[in-house]
């Protein structure tokens, strides 16, 4: 092998090494940016259970159905929430601190009260009042029914820096009405749900996915 061939091979090796280094460097930077993004700005979480149905579809293991996947705005950049926000919380006293998805009904300092709906002749429907004002809640699945723990006469004031959370599927949701969840400290809220990026399988519809649901969950 002559000197020219050796020189050419060395140059090719250097070129290949340089290319590999550049690729690895770029991949490392991209991974670091993705990590930073999901730690400080946004997070991805799956929905379990049926407490937010029909707004969100949750995983149902017995039916082999997967739940929705949501993009959250991290609590690092958005630590405060408003009534109507859908949030993900990890409450230590409930289900081992696994993430739960609920809607903010009241914030610190507000008073939540459950009253019977005067327009319902059966007297079975319960309405939510915050600071004496009846909430307009078009997102709930069906009228809320009275339970032994959370019926008419239920009334409390939310402590500062805490939130009163409820599921949209009121008759099948363990939420702030029940002691296991209770008033949720803001420190336990992971973030606010913004978008649905992958629809779950609705076992009520033969595990079908509704791709038209992708997008903002507040439309």
N, C-alpha and C. Protein backbone atom coordinates (compact mmCIF):
# COMPACT_ATOMS: atom_id res chain seq x y z
N UNK A 1 0.85 -1.20 0.00
CA UNK A 1 0.00 0.00 0.00
C UNK A 1 0.88 1.24 0.00
N UNK A 2 0.68 2.12 -0.98
CA UNK A 2 1.54 3.29 -1.07
C UNK A 2 1.11 4.38 -0.09
N UNK A 3 1.92 5.40 -0.02
CA UNK A 3 1.69 6.47 0.93
C UNK A 3 0.38 7.22 0.66
N UNK A 4 0.06 7.37 -0.61
CA UNK A 4 -1.17 8.09 -0.95
C UNK A 4 -2.41 7.34 -0.46
N UNK A 5 -2.41 6.02 -0.59
CA UNK A 5 -3.55 5.22 -0.13
C UNK A 5 -3.69 5.30 1.39
N UNK A 6 -2.53 5.21 2.07
CA UNK A 6 -2.56 5.30 3.54
C UNK A 6 -3.11 6.65 3.99
N UNK A 7 -2.66 7.69 3.32
CA UNK A 7 -3.10 9.03 3.68
C UNK A 7 -4.60 9.19 3.44
N UNK A 8 -5.09 8.59 2.33
CA UNK A 8 -6.50 8.66 2.01
C UNK A 8 -7.35 7.93 3.04
N UNK A 9 -6.86 6.72 3.46
CA UNK A 9 -7.60 5.95 4.48
C UNK A 9 -7.64 6.69 5.81
N UNK A 10 -6.55 7.29 6.18
CA UNK A 10 -6.49 8.04 7.43
C UNK A 10 -7.47 9.22 7.42
N UNK A 11 -7.54 9.88 6.27
CA UNK A 11 -8.46 11.01 6.13
C UNK A 11 -9.91 10.53 6.22
N UNK A 12 -10.20 9.36 5.61
CA UNK A 12 -11.55 8.81 5.66
C UNK A 12 -11.94 8.44 7.09
N UNK A 13 -10.97 7.83 7.83
CA UNK A 13 -11.23 7.47 9.22
C UNK A 13 -11.49 8.71 10.07
N UNK A 14 -10.69 9.74 9.82
CA UNK A 14 -10.88 10.98 10.57
C UNK A 14 -12.25 11.58 10.25
N UNK A 15 -12.60 11.51 8.96
CA UNK A 15 -13.90 12.04 8.56
C UNK A 15 -15.05 11.28 9.19
N UNK A 16 -14.92 9.93 9.24
CA UNK A 16 -15.95 9.10 9.86
C UNK A 16 -16.05 9.36 11.36
N UNK A 17 -14.90 9.47 12.01
CA UNK A 17 -14.87 9.75 13.45
C UNK A 17 -15.51 11.10 13.74
N UNK A 18 -15.20 12.08 12.90
CA UNK A 18 -15.78 13.40 13.09
C UNK A 18 -17.29 13.40 12.92
N UNK A 19 -17.75 12.63 11.92
CA UNK A 19 -19.18 12.54 11.68
C UNK A 19 -19.89 11.87 12.85
N UNK A 20 -19.31 10.76 13.36
CA UNK A 20 -19.90 10.06 14.50
C UNK A 20 -19.93 10.95 15.73
N UNK A 21 -18.86 11.69 15.94
CA UNK A 21 -18.81 12.60 17.09
C UNK A 21 -19.90 13.66 16.97
N UNK A 22 -20.05 14.21 15.76
CA UNK A 22 -21.06 15.24 15.54
C UNK A 22 -22.47 14.69 15.79
N UNK A 23 -22.73 13.47 15.28
CA UNK A 23 -24.05 12.86 15.46
C UNK A 23 -24.33 12.60 16.94
N UNK A 24 -23.34 12.01 17.65
CA UNK A 24 -23.52 11.72 19.07
C UNK A 24 -23.72 13.00 19.87
N UNK A 25 -22.98 14.03 19.50
CA UNK A 25 -23.11 15.32 20.19
C UNK A 25 -24.52 15.88 19.99
N UNK A 26 -24.99 15.85 18.74
CA UNK A 26 -26.32 16.39 18.45
C UNK A 26 -27.41 15.59 19.16
N UNK A 27 -27.27 14.25 19.18
CA UNK A 27 -28.25 13.40 19.86
C UNK A 27 -28.27 13.71 21.35
N UNK A 28 -27.11 13.89 21.94
CA UNK A 28 -27.01 14.20 23.37
C UNK A 28 -27.69 15.53 23.70
N UNK A 29 -27.47 16.52 22.84
CA UNK A 29 -28.09 17.83 23.05
C UNK A 29 -29.60 17.73 22.94
N UNK A 30 -30.08 17.00 21.93
CA UNK A 30 -31.53 16.84 21.73
C UNK A 30 -32.16 16.14 22.93
N UNK A 31 -31.52 15.05 23.41
CA UNK A 31 -32.04 14.33 24.57
C UNK A 31 -32.06 15.20 25.82
N UNK A 32 -31.02 16.01 25.98
CA UNK A 32 -30.97 16.91 27.13
C UNK A 32 -32.08 17.94 27.07
N UNK A 33 -32.34 18.48 25.87
CA UNK A 33 -33.40 19.46 25.72
C UNK A 33 -34.77 18.85 25.98
N UNK A 34 -34.97 17.61 25.49
CA UNK A 34 -36.23 16.91 25.73
C UNK A 34 -36.44 16.68 27.23
N UNK A 35 -35.37 16.26 27.91
CA UNK A 35 -35.44 16.02 29.35
C UNK A 35 -35.80 17.30 30.09
N UNK A 36 -35.12 18.39 29.75
CA UNK A 36 -35.40 19.67 30.39
C UNK A 36 -36.84 20.10 30.14
N UNK A 37 -37.29 19.89 28.90
CA UNK A 37 -38.65 20.28 28.53
C UNK A 37 -39.68 19.53 29.37
N UNK A 38 -39.49 18.21 29.52
CA UNK A 38 -40.48 17.41 30.24
C UNK A 38 -40.36 17.55 31.76
N UNK A 39 -39.24 18.03 32.25
CA UNK A 39 -39.10 18.25 33.68
C UNK A 39 -39.64 19.62 34.08
N UNK A 40 -39.32 20.64 33.27
CA UNK A 40 -39.64 22.00 33.68
C UNK A 40 -40.82 22.65 32.95
N UNK A 41 -41.18 22.15 31.79
CA UNK A 41 -42.21 22.83 31.01
C UNK A 41 -43.45 21.98 30.75
N UNK A 42 -43.28 20.74 30.35
CA UNK A 42 -44.43 19.91 30.00
C UNK A 42 -44.17 18.46 30.40
N UNK A 43 -45.27 17.74 30.62
CA UNK A 43 -45.17 16.33 30.98
C UNK A 43 -46.23 15.54 30.23
N UNK A 44 -46.00 14.25 30.14
CA UNK A 44 -46.93 13.37 29.46
C UNK A 44 -47.49 12.39 30.48
N UNK A 45 -48.82 12.21 30.52
CA UNK A 45 -49.42 11.32 31.50
C UNK A 45 -50.60 10.59 30.88
N UNK A 46 -50.80 9.34 31.31
CA UNK A 46 -51.93 8.55 30.86
C UNK A 46 -53.09 8.66 31.84
N UNK A 47 -54.31 8.48 31.35
CA UNK A 47 -55.51 8.58 32.18
C UNK A 47 -55.97 7.18 32.56
N UNK A 48 -56.24 7.00 33.87
CA UNK A 48 -56.75 5.72 34.37
C UNK A 48 -58.15 5.91 34.95
N UNK A 49 -58.96 4.87 34.85
CA UNK A 49 -60.28 4.90 35.46
C UNK A 49 -61.28 5.74 34.67
N UNK A 50 -62.49 5.81 35.21
CA UNK A 50 -63.59 6.47 34.48
C UNK A 50 -64.09 7.73 35.18
N UNK A 51 -63.33 8.27 36.12
CA UNK A 51 -63.84 9.41 36.89
C UNK A 51 -63.97 10.69 36.08
N UNK A 52 -63.29 10.79 34.93
CA UNK A 52 -63.39 12.00 34.11
C UNK A 52 -64.18 11.77 32.82
N UNK A 53 -64.82 10.63 32.71
CA UNK A 53 -65.61 10.33 31.51
C UNK A 53 -66.88 11.20 31.51
N UNK A 54 -67.32 11.76 30.39
CA UNK A 54 -66.85 11.53 29.02
C UNK A 54 -65.78 12.50 28.54
N UNK A 55 -65.36 13.46 29.39
CA UNK A 55 -64.34 14.41 28.97
C UNK A 55 -63.06 13.68 28.57
N UNK A 56 -62.68 12.70 29.39
CA UNK A 56 -61.48 11.90 29.14
C UNK A 56 -61.82 10.43 29.25
N UNK A 57 -61.13 9.63 28.46
CA UNK A 57 -61.31 8.18 28.47
C UNK A 57 -60.14 7.57 29.25
N UNK A 58 -60.46 6.79 30.28
CA UNK A 58 -59.43 6.19 31.11
C UNK A 58 -59.16 4.74 30.77
N UNK A 59 -58.01 4.27 31.19
CA UNK A 59 -57.64 2.87 30.97
C UNK A 59 -58.59 1.95 31.74
N UNK A 60 -58.98 0.85 31.09
CA UNK A 60 -59.83 -0.15 31.73
C UNK A 60 -59.19 -1.52 31.50
N UNK A 61 -58.51 -2.02 32.53
CA UNK A 61 -57.75 -3.26 32.37
C UNK A 61 -58.63 -4.46 32.08
N UNK A 62 -59.81 -4.53 32.72
CA UNK A 62 -60.68 -5.69 32.51
C UNK A 62 -61.18 -5.77 31.08
N UNK A 63 -61.30 -4.62 30.42
CA UNK A 63 -61.76 -4.60 29.02
C UNK A 63 -60.60 -4.54 28.04
N UNK A 64 -59.38 -4.47 28.57
CA UNK A 64 -58.20 -4.39 27.69
C UNK A 64 -58.14 -3.07 26.93
N UNK A 65 -58.67 -2.00 27.52
CA UNK A 65 -58.74 -0.70 26.85
C UNK A 65 -57.71 0.26 27.43
N UNK A 66 -56.97 0.91 26.57
CA UNK A 66 -55.99 1.91 26.98
C UNK A 66 -56.65 3.27 27.14
N UNK A 67 -56.06 4.11 28.00
CA UNK A 67 -56.63 5.43 28.25
C UNK A 67 -56.00 6.52 27.41
N UNK A 68 -56.57 7.72 27.52
CA UNK A 68 -56.03 8.89 26.84
C UNK A 68 -54.63 9.22 27.34
N UNK A 69 -53.85 9.88 26.48
CA UNK A 69 -52.56 10.44 26.89
C UNK A 69 -52.64 11.96 26.76
N UNK A 70 -52.23 12.63 27.84
CA UNK A 70 -52.35 14.08 27.93
C UNK A 70 -50.99 14.75 28.05
N UNK A 71 -50.90 15.96 27.51
CA UNK A 71 -49.73 16.81 27.73
C UNK A 71 -50.09 17.79 28.84
N UNK A 72 -49.24 17.84 29.86
CA UNK A 72 -49.46 18.74 30.99
C UNK A 72 -48.52 19.93 30.93
N UNK A 73 -49.03 21.07 31.37
CA UNK A 73 -48.16 22.20 31.63
C UNK A 73 -47.61 22.02 33.04
N UNK A 74 -46.31 21.89 33.16
CA UNK A 74 -45.68 21.55 34.44
C UNK A 74 -45.98 22.57 35.52
N UNK A 75 -46.07 22.08 36.76
CA UNK A 75 -46.29 22.98 37.90
C UNK A 75 -45.09 23.87 38.17
N UNK A 76 -43.97 23.57 37.53
CA UNK A 76 -42.78 24.41 37.71
C UNK A 76 -43.03 25.80 37.13
N UNK A 77 -43.73 25.86 36.00
CA UNK A 77 -43.98 27.16 35.36
C UNK A 77 -45.41 27.64 35.58
N UNK A 78 -46.28 26.78 36.08
CA UNK A 78 -47.68 27.17 36.33
C UNK A 78 -48.14 26.54 37.65
N UNK A 79 -47.73 27.13 38.78
CA UNK A 79 -48.03 26.52 40.09
C UNK A 79 -49.42 26.82 40.63
N UNK A 80 -50.17 27.71 39.96
CA UNK A 80 -51.50 28.08 40.45
C UNK A 80 -52.57 27.69 39.44
N UNK A 81 -53.74 27.30 39.94
CA UNK A 81 -54.79 26.78 39.08
C UNK A 81 -56.11 27.48 39.35
N UNK A 82 -56.99 27.44 38.34
CA UNK A 82 -58.27 28.11 38.43
C UNK A 82 -59.40 27.10 38.33
N UNK A 83 -60.58 27.52 38.76
CA UNK A 83 -61.75 26.67 38.64
C UNK A 83 -61.97 26.29 37.16
N UNK A 84 -62.22 25.02 36.93
CA UNK A 84 -62.41 24.53 35.57
C UNK A 84 -61.19 23.88 34.99
N UNK A 85 -60.01 24.15 35.55
CA UNK A 85 -58.78 23.50 35.06
C UNK A 85 -58.83 22.00 35.35
N UNK A 86 -58.33 21.23 34.41
CA UNK A 86 -58.16 19.79 34.64
C UNK A 86 -56.71 19.56 35.02
N UNK A 87 -56.49 18.95 36.18
CA UNK A 87 -55.14 18.79 36.71
C UNK A 87 -54.85 17.33 37.03
N UNK A 88 -53.57 17.05 37.16
CA UNK A 88 -53.11 15.73 37.60
C UNK A 88 -52.45 15.90 38.96
N UNK A 89 -52.90 15.11 39.92
CA UNK A 89 -52.37 15.20 41.28
C UNK A 89 -51.90 13.83 41.77
N UNK A 90 -50.92 13.86 42.63
CA UNK A 90 -50.44 12.64 43.30
C UNK A 90 -50.66 12.84 44.80
N UNK A 91 -51.76 12.29 45.29
CA UNK A 91 -52.14 12.47 46.69
C UNK A 91 -51.62 11.30 47.52
N UNK A 92 -50.69 11.54 48.45
CA UNK A 92 -50.07 10.44 49.20
C UNK A 92 -51.06 9.53 49.91
N UNK A 93 -52.18 10.08 50.35
CA UNK A 93 -53.15 9.29 51.13
C UNK A 93 -54.09 8.47 50.26
N UNK A 94 -54.00 8.62 48.93
CA UNK A 94 -54.93 7.92 48.04
C UNK A 94 -54.20 7.06 47.02
N UNK A 95 -54.49 5.77 47.02
CA UNK A 95 -53.99 4.84 46.01
C UNK A 95 -52.47 4.89 45.88
N UNK A 96 -51.81 5.01 47.01
CA UNK A 96 -50.35 4.99 47.00
C UNK A 96 -49.70 6.15 46.30
N UNK A 97 -50.44 7.24 46.14
CA UNK A 97 -49.86 8.42 45.50
C UNK A 97 -49.82 8.34 43.98
N UNK A 98 -50.55 7.38 43.39
CA UNK A 98 -50.59 7.28 41.93
C UNK A 98 -51.30 8.50 41.34
N UNK A 99 -50.92 8.93 40.13
CA UNK A 99 -51.53 10.12 39.53
C UNK A 99 -53.04 9.95 39.32
N UNK A 100 -53.79 10.98 39.68
CA UNK A 100 -55.23 11.02 39.42
C UNK A 100 -55.54 12.28 38.62
N UNK A 101 -56.52 12.19 37.75
CA UNK A 101 -56.91 13.33 36.92
C UNK A 101 -58.28 13.81 37.37
N UNK A 102 -58.38 15.09 37.74
CA UNK A 102 -59.64 15.65 38.23
C UNK A 102 -59.76 17.10 37.73
N UNK A 103 -60.93 17.68 38.00
CA UNK A 103 -61.17 19.07 37.63
C UNK A 103 -61.21 19.95 38.88
N UNK A 104 -60.62 21.13 38.79
CA UNK A 104 -60.65 22.08 39.90
C UNK A 104 -62.05 22.67 40.00
N UNK A 105 -62.66 22.52 41.18
CA UNK A 105 -63.99 23.06 41.43
C UNK A 105 -63.92 24.30 42.30
N UNK A 106 -62.96 24.34 43.21
CA UNK A 106 -62.80 25.51 44.08
C UNK A 106 -61.35 25.62 44.51
N UNK A 107 -60.94 26.85 44.80
CA UNK A 107 -59.55 27.11 45.20
C UNK A 107 -59.53 27.60 46.64
N UNK A 108 -58.32 27.79 47.16
CA UNK A 108 -58.17 28.19 48.55
C UNK A 108 -58.97 29.43 48.92
N UNK A 109 -59.68 29.35 50.04
CA UNK A 109 -60.48 30.46 50.53
C UNK A 109 -61.93 30.42 50.10
N UNK A 110 -62.26 29.58 49.10
CA UNK A 110 -63.64 29.49 48.64
C UNK A 110 -64.40 28.41 49.43
N UNK A 111 -65.70 28.60 49.54
CA UNK A 111 -66.54 27.66 50.27
C UNK A 111 -67.36 26.82 49.31
N UNK A 112 -67.25 25.50 49.45
CA UNK A 112 -67.98 24.56 48.60
C UNK A 112 -69.16 24.01 49.38
N UNK A 113 -70.29 23.97 48.70
CA UNK A 113 -71.50 23.45 49.34
C UNK A 113 -72.28 22.59 48.35
N UNK A 114 -72.82 21.47 48.84
CA UNK A 114 -73.68 20.62 48.02
C UNK A 114 -75.12 20.80 48.48
N UNK A 115 -76.00 21.10 47.52
CA UNK A 115 -77.41 21.30 47.83
C UNK A 115 -78.27 20.50 46.87
N UNK A 116 -79.47 20.17 47.31
CA UNK A 116 -80.41 19.48 46.43
C UNK A 116 -80.90 20.44 45.35
N UNK A 117 -81.06 19.90 44.15
CA UNK A 117 -81.54 20.69 43.03
C UNK A 117 -83.05 20.90 43.18
N UNK A 118 -83.43 22.14 43.39
CA UNK A 118 -84.85 22.45 43.62
C UNK A 118 -85.72 22.17 42.39
N UNK A 119 -85.09 22.11 41.20
CA UNK A 119 -85.86 21.85 39.98
C UNK A 119 -86.10 20.37 39.73
N UNK A 120 -85.49 19.51 40.55
CA UNK A 120 -85.67 18.07 40.40
C UNK A 120 -86.74 17.59 41.38
N UNK A 121 -87.91 17.20 40.88
CA UNK A 121 -88.99 16.79 41.79
C UNK A 121 -88.68 15.54 42.59
N UNK A 122 -87.73 14.73 42.09
CA UNK A 122 -87.38 13.50 42.82
C UNK A 122 -86.54 13.80 44.05
N UNK A 123 -85.91 14.96 44.06
CA UNK A 123 -85.08 15.34 45.20
C UNK A 123 -83.77 14.57 45.28
N UNK A 124 -83.38 13.89 44.18
CA UNK A 124 -82.18 13.06 44.19
C UNK A 124 -80.95 13.76 43.62
N UNK A 125 -81.17 14.84 42.88
CA UNK A 125 -80.05 15.51 42.22
C UNK A 125 -79.38 16.51 43.16
N UNK A 126 -78.05 16.48 43.16
CA UNK A 126 -77.25 17.38 43.99
C UNK A 126 -76.50 18.35 43.10
N UNK A 127 -76.49 19.61 43.47
CA UNK A 127 -75.77 20.65 42.74
C UNK A 127 -74.62 21.19 43.58
N UNK A 128 -73.62 21.74 42.89
CA UNK A 128 -72.45 22.29 43.56
C UNK A 128 -72.55 23.81 43.59
N UNK A 129 -72.34 24.37 44.77
CA UNK A 129 -72.31 25.82 44.94
C UNK A 129 -70.93 26.22 45.47
N UNK A 130 -70.40 27.29 44.93
CA UNK A 130 -69.13 27.85 45.42
C UNK A 130 -69.38 29.30 45.82
N UNK A 131 -69.11 29.59 47.08
CA UNK A 131 -69.38 30.92 47.65
C UNK A 131 -70.82 31.36 47.37
N UNK A 132 -71.74 30.40 47.49
CA UNK A 132 -73.15 30.70 47.35
C UNK A 132 -73.68 30.72 45.93
N UNK A 133 -72.79 30.55 44.93
CA UNK A 133 -73.21 30.58 43.53
C UNK A 133 -73.24 29.16 42.95
N UNK A 134 -74.37 28.82 42.34
CA UNK A 134 -74.49 27.50 41.72
C UNK A 134 -73.61 27.43 40.48
N UNK A 135 -72.83 26.35 40.37
CA UNK A 135 -71.94 26.21 39.22
C UNK A 135 -72.70 25.68 38.00
N UNK A 136 -72.34 26.25 36.85
CA UNK A 136 -72.84 25.74 35.58
C UNK A 136 -71.81 24.72 35.10
N UNK A 137 -72.19 23.46 35.05
CA UNK A 137 -71.23 22.40 34.76
C UNK A 137 -71.71 21.53 33.58
N UNK A 138 -71.59 22.02 32.36
CA UNK A 138 -72.04 21.27 31.19
C UNK A 138 -71.19 20.04 30.89
N UNK A 139 -70.01 19.96 31.52
CA UNK A 139 -69.08 18.87 31.23
C UNK A 139 -69.36 17.59 32.01
N UNK A 140 -70.21 17.63 33.05
CA UNK A 140 -70.41 16.41 33.83
C UNK A 140 -71.23 15.40 33.05
N UNK A 141 -71.01 14.12 33.34
CA UNK A 141 -71.64 13.06 32.56
C UNK A 141 -73.15 13.01 32.78
N UNK A 142 -73.56 13.15 34.04
CA UNK A 142 -74.97 13.04 34.40
C UNK A 142 -75.18 13.77 35.71
N UNK A 143 -76.42 14.06 36.07
CA UNK A 143 -76.67 14.75 37.35
C UNK A 143 -76.06 13.99 38.52
N UNK A 144 -75.48 14.73 39.44
CA UNK A 144 -74.85 14.11 40.60
C UNK A 144 -75.89 13.65 41.61
N UNK A 145 -75.68 12.45 42.12
CA UNK A 145 -76.59 11.87 43.11
C UNK A 145 -76.00 11.97 44.51
N UNK A 146 -76.87 11.95 45.47
CA UNK A 146 -76.46 12.06 46.87
C UNK A 146 -75.81 10.77 47.33
N UNK A 147 -74.77 10.89 48.15
CA UNK A 147 -74.13 9.73 48.78
C UNK A 147 -74.12 9.96 50.29
N UNK A 148 -73.94 8.89 51.08
CA UNK A 148 -73.92 9.05 52.54
C UNK A 148 -72.84 10.02 53.03
N UNK A 149 -71.72 10.07 52.29
CA UNK A 149 -70.61 10.93 52.71
C UNK A 149 -70.76 12.34 52.14
N UNK A 150 -71.22 12.44 50.90
CA UNK A 150 -71.27 13.74 50.23
C UNK A 150 -72.67 14.01 49.70
N UNK A 151 -73.58 14.31 50.60
CA UNK A 151 -74.94 14.64 50.20
C UNK A 151 -75.28 16.08 50.50
N UNK A 152 -76.56 16.41 50.42
CA UNK A 152 -77.00 17.77 50.73
C UNK A 152 -76.59 18.12 52.16
N UNK A 153 -76.10 19.32 52.33
CA UNK A 153 -75.62 19.74 53.65
C UNK A 153 -74.10 19.69 53.75
N UNK A 154 -73.45 19.04 52.78
CA UNK A 154 -71.98 19.03 52.73
C UNK A 154 -71.50 20.45 52.48
N UNK A 155 -70.65 20.93 53.36
CA UNK A 155 -70.16 22.31 53.23
C UNK A 155 -68.80 22.44 53.89
N UNK A 156 -67.88 23.07 53.19
CA UNK A 156 -66.56 23.30 53.78
C UNK A 156 -65.86 24.44 53.04
N UNK A 157 -64.89 25.02 53.71
CA UNK A 157 -64.08 26.07 53.11
C UNK A 157 -62.71 25.50 52.79
N UNK A 158 -62.27 25.71 51.59
CA UNK A 158 -60.99 25.16 51.13
C UNK A 158 -59.84 25.95 51.76
N UNK A 159 -58.90 25.25 52.40
CA UNK A 159 -57.75 25.95 52.99
C UNK A 159 -56.91 26.65 51.93
N UNK A 160 -56.21 27.67 52.34
CA UNK A 160 -55.31 28.37 51.42
C UNK A 160 -54.27 27.40 50.87
N UNK A 161 -53.91 27.63 49.61
CA UNK A 161 -52.92 26.81 48.91
C UNK A 161 -53.40 25.39 48.66
N UNK A 162 -54.71 25.17 48.79
CA UNK A 162 -55.28 23.85 48.51
C UNK A 162 -56.38 23.98 47.45
N UNK A 163 -56.81 22.84 46.94
CA UNK A 163 -57.82 22.82 45.89
C UNK A 163 -58.86 21.74 46.17
N UNK A 164 -60.09 22.04 45.78
CA UNK A 164 -61.18 21.06 45.86
C UNK A 164 -61.36 20.51 44.46
N UNK A 165 -61.09 19.21 44.29
CA UNK A 165 -61.11 18.57 42.98
C UNK A 165 -62.26 17.57 42.88
N UNK A 166 -62.88 17.50 41.70
CA UNK A 166 -63.94 16.52 41.46
C UNK A 166 -63.80 15.96 40.05
N UNK A 167 -64.27 14.73 39.88
CA UNK A 167 -64.29 14.14 38.55
C UNK A 167 -65.54 14.54 37.80
N UNK A 168 -65.47 14.57 36.48
CA UNK A 168 -66.65 14.92 35.68
C UNK A 168 -67.71 13.81 35.72
N UNK A 169 -67.28 12.60 36.00
CA UNK A 169 -68.21 11.48 36.16
C UNK A 169 -68.55 11.40 37.65
N UNK A 170 -69.33 12.36 38.12
CA UNK A 170 -69.54 12.60 39.55
C UNK A 170 -70.00 11.36 40.33
N UNK A 171 -70.79 10.52 39.71
CA UNK A 171 -71.33 9.36 40.43
C UNK A 171 -70.37 8.17 40.44
N UNK A 172 -69.20 8.36 39.86
CA UNK A 172 -68.20 7.29 39.86
C UNK A 172 -66.81 7.92 39.99
N UNK A 173 -66.66 8.75 40.99
CA UNK A 173 -65.39 9.45 41.17
C UNK A 173 -65.06 9.60 42.65
N UNK A 174 -63.89 9.13 43.04
CA UNK A 174 -63.38 9.36 44.39
C UNK A 174 -62.54 10.63 44.31
N UNK A 175 -63.00 11.67 44.96
CA UNK A 175 -62.36 12.98 44.82
C UNK A 175 -62.38 13.72 46.15
N UNK A 176 -62.35 15.04 46.11
CA UNK A 176 -62.23 15.82 47.35
C UNK A 176 -63.44 15.71 48.26
N UNK A 177 -64.51 15.11 47.79
CA UNK A 177 -65.67 14.88 48.66
C UNK A 177 -65.37 13.80 49.70
N UNK A 178 -64.35 12.99 49.44
CA UNK A 178 -64.07 11.81 50.28
C UNK A 178 -62.76 12.00 51.04
N UNK A 179 -62.71 11.52 52.27
CA UNK A 179 -61.53 11.75 53.13
C UNK A 179 -60.22 11.23 52.55
N UNK A 180 -60.25 10.15 51.77
CA UNK A 180 -59.00 9.60 51.23
C UNK A 180 -58.28 10.59 50.32
N UNK A 181 -59.04 11.46 49.68
CA UNK A 181 -58.46 12.49 48.81
C UNK A 181 -58.47 13.83 49.53
N UNK A 182 -59.65 14.28 49.92
CA UNK A 182 -59.77 15.53 50.66
C UNK A 182 -59.29 16.75 49.90
N UNK A 183 -59.01 17.82 50.64
CA UNK A 183 -58.49 19.03 50.02
C UNK A 183 -57.07 18.75 49.54
N UNK A 184 -56.79 19.02 48.30
CA UNK A 184 -55.49 18.65 47.72
C UNK A 184 -54.52 19.82 47.81
N UNK A 185 -53.46 19.62 48.53
CA UNK A 185 -52.41 20.62 48.64
C UNK A 185 -51.81 20.88 47.25
N UNK A 186 -51.60 22.15 46.93
CA UNK A 186 -51.05 22.51 45.63
C UNK A 186 -49.73 21.85 45.32
N UNK A 187 -48.99 21.46 46.35
CA UNK A 187 -47.69 20.82 46.14
C UNK A 187 -47.84 19.43 45.54
N UNK A 188 -49.04 18.85 45.67
CA UNK A 188 -49.26 17.51 45.15
C UNK A 188 -49.78 17.51 43.71
N UNK A 189 -50.01 18.70 43.17
CA UNK A 189 -50.49 18.78 41.79
C UNK A 189 -49.31 18.83 40.83
N UNK A 190 -49.27 17.89 39.92
CA UNK A 190 -48.15 17.76 38.99
C UNK A 190 -48.22 18.82 37.90
N UNK A 191 -49.43 19.11 37.43
CA UNK A 191 -49.57 20.10 36.38
C UNK A 191 -50.98 20.17 35.84
N UNK A 192 -51.19 21.11 34.94
CA UNK A 192 -52.50 21.31 34.30
C UNK A 192 -52.51 20.63 32.94
N UNK A 193 -53.56 19.85 32.68
CA UNK A 193 -53.69 19.19 31.39
C UNK A 193 -54.04 20.22 30.32
N UNK A 194 -53.33 20.15 29.19
CA UNK A 194 -53.56 21.10 28.11
C UNK A 194 -54.17 20.44 26.87
N UNK A 195 -53.51 19.37 26.40
CA UNK A 195 -53.93 18.74 25.15
C UNK A 195 -54.04 17.23 25.29
N UNK A 196 -54.93 16.68 24.52
CA UNK A 196 -55.01 15.24 24.36
C UNK A 196 -54.23 14.91 23.10
N UNK A 197 -53.16 14.14 23.23
CA UNK A 197 -52.33 13.87 22.05
C UNK A 197 -52.52 12.46 21.49
N UNK A 198 -53.13 11.57 22.29
CA UNK A 198 -53.40 10.22 21.79
C UNK A 198 -54.66 9.70 22.47
N UNK A 199 -55.73 9.49 21.71
CA UNK A 199 -57.00 9.10 22.31
C UNK A 199 -57.01 7.66 22.81
N UNK A 200 -57.67 7.46 23.93
CA UNK A 200 -57.79 6.12 24.48
C UNK A 200 -58.88 5.31 23.79
N UNK A 201 -58.99 4.05 24.23
CA UNK A 201 -60.00 3.15 23.69
C UNK A 201 -61.20 3.15 24.62
N UNK A 202 -62.35 3.56 24.11
CA UNK A 202 -63.56 3.62 24.92
C UNK A 202 -64.21 2.23 24.92
N UNK A 203 -64.14 1.53 26.06
CA UNK A 203 -64.70 0.18 26.11
C UNK A 203 -66.21 0.17 25.94
N UNK A 204 -66.83 1.32 26.16
CA UNK A 204 -68.27 1.42 25.94
C UNK A 204 -68.62 1.42 24.46
N UNK A 205 -67.60 1.68 23.62
CA UNK A 205 -67.77 1.72 22.17
C UNK A 205 -66.88 0.68 21.50
N UNK A 206 -66.83 -0.52 22.09
CA UNK A 206 -66.04 -1.64 21.54
C UNK A 206 -64.57 -1.27 21.38
N UNK A 207 -64.04 -0.55 22.38
CA UNK A 207 -62.63 -0.15 22.42
C UNK A 207 -62.21 0.71 21.23
N UNK A 208 -63.14 1.45 20.67
CA UNK A 208 -62.82 2.32 19.54
C UNK A 208 -62.08 3.57 20.01
N UNK A 209 -61.24 4.11 19.14
CA UNK A 209 -60.55 5.37 19.41
C UNK A 209 -61.19 6.47 18.56
N UNK A 210 -61.46 7.60 19.17
CA UNK A 210 -62.01 8.74 18.45
C UNK A 210 -60.88 9.72 18.17
N UNK A 211 -60.31 9.63 16.96
CA UNK A 211 -59.14 10.45 16.62
C UNK A 211 -59.50 11.93 16.54
N UNK A 212 -60.78 12.24 16.39
CA UNK A 212 -61.19 13.63 16.33
C UNK A 212 -61.06 14.35 17.66
N UNK A 213 -60.79 13.62 18.73
CA UNK A 213 -60.66 14.21 20.06
C UNK A 213 -59.27 14.82 20.28
N UNK A 214 -58.33 14.56 19.40
CA UNK A 214 -56.97 15.09 19.58
C UNK A 214 -57.01 16.62 19.55
N UNK A 215 -56.33 17.21 20.51
CA UNK A 215 -56.28 18.67 20.59
C UNK A 215 -56.56 19.15 21.99
N UNK A 216 -56.98 20.41 22.11
CA UNK A 216 -57.27 20.99 23.42
C UNK A 216 -58.44 20.25 24.09
N UNK A 217 -58.33 20.01 25.38
CA UNK A 217 -59.41 19.33 26.10
C UNK A 217 -60.43 20.31 26.66
N UNK A 218 -60.27 21.58 26.32
CA UNK A 218 -61.19 22.59 26.84
C UNK A 218 -62.13 23.14 25.76
N UNK A 219 -62.08 22.56 24.55
CA UNK A 219 -62.97 23.01 23.48
C UNK A 219 -64.41 22.58 23.76
